[in-house]
Amino acid sequence: MKKQLIMAAAFFAVAMVMGFAYPAAAAENNAQKTICILFDNGVNATLNDRQAKSQASLSNWMDNDLVRVFARYTKTGYQAKLIEKLQDFTAQPNNYLLKVKITEYNPGSKAARMVVGFGAGGVSIKIHYDLLANEANTILTKDDSVYSGRDWMIAARKLNQNIAEAVTEKLGKR
C-alpha cells in the first residue's frame, strides 16, 4: 500500500514539474497568432429588402460563430477577433487578416423542409475568403459552398469549420 502511495506521489511530482516547465518553453516557440476577421455580408442593390435583411442576419451570426470556432484552435496558438473595417488591421508578424464575403445565400423553404423532407427546400450558402499576412501578401484564397436540407445554422457552421481548418492548416505550414 505504501509502495503504491509513494509511486502515485512520485508520478504527480513529475507531472507537476513537467507541466510547469514545458508549457512556458512551448509558448515562446509558438507565439500567439491573431486572425483579424473582416466579414462582408454581401448585401447589394440586387437583393430585395427581405433577402438583404435575411443575408445581413446570417452574416451577423456567422461572424460571431467564426470567432467561437477559432476558439477551439486556441490550444494550437490561434486567437480570432472581429474587426469592423480594413483600417482596424495592423500588419505585423503573427497577425493575419481573414476577409470573408457571402457571395450567395438561398434560405430555401422551411415549409418544404418540414413537410417534404429529403433535402427539399434546402439552404445553400456560398462564400469567398482570403487570408492575408498584409495587404500585398495573400496566403490563401478560396471559394466554398454548402447545401443543407436541415437548417441554415448547420450550413453556416460547416462553412465556418471549413474556414478554420483551411486557415490553421495553411498557417501551420508557415
Protein backbone atom coordinates (compact mmCIF):
# COMPACT_ATOMS: atom_id res chain seq x y z
CA MET A 1 0.00 0.00 0.00
CA LYS A 2 2.82 2.40 0.93
CA LYS A 3 4.64 1.48 -2.25
CA GLN A 4 1.60 2.47 -4.36
CA LEU A 5 1.22 5.71 -2.43
CA ILE A 6 4.89 6.60 -2.99
CA MET A 7 4.61 5.77 -6.71
CA ALA A 8 1.49 7.93 -7.05
CA ALA A 9 3.19 10.83 -5.25
CA ALA A 10 6.26 10.50 -7.48
CA PHE A 11 4.06 10.44 -10.60
CA PHE A 12 2.23 13.61 -9.54
CA ALA A 13 5.51 15.34 -8.68
CA VAL A 14 6.96 14.56 -12.10
CA ALA A 15 3.71 15.60 -13.79
CA MET A 16 3.72 18.92 -11.93
CA VAL A 17 7.35 19.66 -12.83
CA MET A 18 6.81 18.74 -16.49
CA GLY A 19 3.54 20.66 -16.65
CA PHE A 20 5.07 23.85 -15.35
CA ALA A 21 8.42 23.65 -17.14
CA TYR A 22 7.45 22.82 -20.72
CA PRO A 23 4.38 25.00 -21.42
CA ALA A 24 6.48 28.12 -20.90
CA ALA A 25 9.02 26.97 -23.45
CA ALA A 26 6.27 25.93 -25.87
CA ALA A 27 4.63 29.35 -25.58
CA GLU A 28 7.90 31.04 -26.51
CA ASN A 29 8.31 28.84 -29.59
CA ASN A 30 4.64 29.15 -30.68
CA ALA A 31 3.77 32.80 -30.43
CA GLN A 32 0.05 33.55 -30.37
CA LYS A 33 -1.30 34.07 -33.90
CA THR A 34 -4.07 36.63 -34.18
CA ILE A 35 -6.55 36.29 -37.01
CA CYS A 36 -8.47 39.50 -37.59
CA ILE A 37 -11.78 38.68 -39.28
CA LEU A 38 -13.36 41.20 -41.63
CA PHE A 39 -16.79 39.86 -42.58
CA ASP A 40 -18.70 41.25 -45.59
CA ASN A 41 -22.40 40.35 -45.62
CA GLY A 42 -22.52 40.66 -49.42
CA VAL A 43 -25.73 42.73 -49.34
CA ASN A 44 -26.06 44.78 -52.53
CA ALA A 45 -28.68 46.60 -54.60
CA THR A 46 -29.73 43.44 -56.47
CA LEU A 47 -31.32 41.97 -53.32
CA ASN A 48 -34.84 42.89 -52.22
CA ASP A 49 -35.43 44.07 -48.64
CA ARG A 50 -36.36 40.63 -47.31
CA GLN A 51 -33.30 39.00 -48.89
CA ALA A 52 -30.99 41.77 -47.69
CA LYS A 53 -32.30 41.52 -44.12
CA SER A 54 -32.00 37.72 -44.15
CA GLN A 55 -28.44 37.81 -45.54
CA ALA A 56 -27.35 40.50 -43.05
CA SER A 57 -28.75 38.39 -40.21
CA LEU A 58 -26.89 35.32 -41.49
CA SER A 59 -23.67 37.34 -41.70
CA ASN A 60 -24.07 38.61 -38.15
CA TRP A 61 -24.48 35.07 -36.85
CA MET A 62 -21.64 33.65 -38.97
CA ASP A 63 -19.03 36.22 -37.97
CA ASN A 64 -19.64 35.70 -34.26
CA ASP A 65 -19.73 31.93 -34.72
CA LEU A 66 -16.44 32.01 -36.65
CA VAL A 67 -14.75 33.56 -33.62
CA ARG A 68 -16.18 30.74 -31.48
CA VAL A 69 -15.00 28.11 -33.97
CA PHE A 70 -11.47 29.58 -33.94
CA ALA A 71 -11.56 29.46 -30.12
CA ARG A 72 -11.34 25.67 -30.46
CA TYR A 73 -7.95 26.19 -32.08
CA THR A 74 -6.63 28.27 -29.15
CA LYS A 75 -4.67 25.24 -27.94
CA THR A 76 -2.54 25.49 -31.06
CA GLY A 77 -1.92 29.22 -30.65
CA TYR A 78 -4.72 30.92 -32.60
CA GLN A 79 -6.87 33.80 -31.45
CA ALA A 80 -9.60 35.33 -33.60
CA LYS A 81 -11.18 38.75 -33.31
CA LEU A 82 -13.71 40.64 -35.40
CA ILE A 83 -12.81 43.96 -36.95
CA GLU A 84 -15.24 46.48 -38.42
CA LYS A 85 -13.11 47.94 -41.22
CA LEU A 86 -9.84 47.28 -43.01
CA GLN A 87 -8.13 50.16 -41.20
CA ASP A 88 -8.51 48.25 -37.92
CA PHE A 89 -5.98 45.68 -39.15
CA THR A 90 -2.29 46.21 -38.42
CA ALA A 91 0.15 44.12 -40.41
CA GLN A 92 2.78 42.59 -38.14
CA PRO A 93 4.31 39.15 -37.51
CA ASN A 94 1.73 36.56 -36.38
CA ASN A 95 -1.13 38.94 -37.19
CA TYR A 96 -3.27 37.86 -40.15
CA LEU A 97 -6.31 39.29 -41.92
CA LEU A 98 -9.15 36.96 -42.91
CA LYS A 99 -11.60 38.59 -45.32
CA VAL A 100 -14.85 36.61 -45.68
CA LYS A 101 -17.69 37.52 -48.05
CA ILE A 102 -21.07 35.87 -48.54
CA THR A 103 -21.43 35.66 -52.31
CA GLU A 104 -24.79 33.88 -52.43
CA TYR A 105 -27.43 32.90 -49.89
CA ASN A 106 -30.65 31.00 -50.56
CA PRO A 107 -32.61 30.34 -47.35
CA GLY A 108 -34.77 27.74 -49.09
CA SER A 109 -38.24 26.87 -47.85
CA LYS A 110 -38.71 25.92 -44.22
CA ALA A 111 -42.17 24.54 -45.03
CA ALA A 112 -40.75 22.25 -47.72
CA ARG A 113 -38.03 21.06 -45.35
CA MET A 114 -40.62 20.26 -42.66
CA VAL A 115 -43.35 18.74 -44.84
CA VAL A 116 -41.47 17.03 -47.67
CA GLY A 117 -38.02 16.45 -46.19
CA PHE A 118 -35.39 14.51 -48.15
CA GLY A 119 -33.46 17.74 -48.88
CA ALA A 120 -36.42 19.63 -50.35
CA GLY A 121 -36.33 23.36 -49.65
CA GLY A 122 -32.71 23.20 -48.56
CA VAL A 123 -30.45 26.10 -47.62
CA SER A 124 -27.44 26.98 -49.74
CA ILE A 125 -24.65 29.39 -48.87
CA LYS A 126 -21.64 30.35 -50.96
CA ILE A 127 -18.69 32.33 -49.63
CA HIS A 128 -15.30 33.59 -50.72
CA TYR A 129 -12.43 34.18 -48.31
CA ASP A 130 -8.86 35.43 -48.41
CA LEU A 131 -6.17 35.09 -45.75
CA LEU A 132 -3.57 37.84 -45.89
CA ALA A 133 -0.36 38.48 -43.97
CA ASN A 134 -0.57 42.11 -45.12
CA GLU A 135 -2.44 43.97 -47.85
CA ALA A 136 0.01 42.79 -50.53
CA ASN A 137 0.70 39.22 -49.38
CA THR A 138 -2.22 36.82 -49.89
CA ILE A 139 -1.60 33.44 -48.27
CA LEU A 140 -4.86 31.65 -49.09
CA THR A 141 -7.80 32.34 -51.43
CA LYS A 142 -10.76 30.02 -51.54
CA ASP A 143 -14.42 29.72 -52.57
CA ASP A 144 -16.62 27.37 -50.58
CA SER A 145 -20.29 26.40 -50.56
CA VAL A 146 -22.62 24.23 -48.52
CA TYR A 147 -26.11 22.88 -49.04
CA SER A 148 -28.20 21.66 -46.11
CA GLY A 149 -31.64 20.11 -46.11
CA ARG A 150 -31.95 20.78 -42.39
CA ASP A 151 -31.22 24.34 -41.26
CA TRP A 152 -29.24 27.46 -42.16
CA MET A 153 -27.21 27.25 -38.93
CA ILE A 154 -25.89 23.83 -39.88
CA ALA A 155 -24.75 25.12 -43.27
CA ALA A 156 -23.19 28.26 -41.76
CA ARG A 157 -21.38 26.29 -39.04
CA LYS A 158 -19.98 23.87 -41.62
CA LEU A 159 -18.60 26.76 -43.67
CA ASN A 160 -17.02 28.28 -40.55
CA GLN A 161 -15.41 24.96 -39.67
CA ASN A 162 -14.09 24.65 -43.23
CA ILE A 163 -12.59 28.14 -42.99
CA ALA A 164 -10.94 27.44 -39.63
CA GLU A 165 -9.49 24.14 -40.82
CA ALA A 166 -8.11 25.62 -44.04
CA VAL A 167 -6.60 28.63 -42.27
CA THR A 168 -5.00 26.66 -39.44
CA GLU A 169 -3.62 24.10 -41.89
CA LYS A 170 -2.12 26.84 -44.05
CA LEU A 171 -0.67 28.76 -41.08
CA GLY A 172 0.66 25.54 -39.58
CA LYS A 173 2.91 25.18 -42.62
CA ARG A 174 4.35 28.69 -42.19
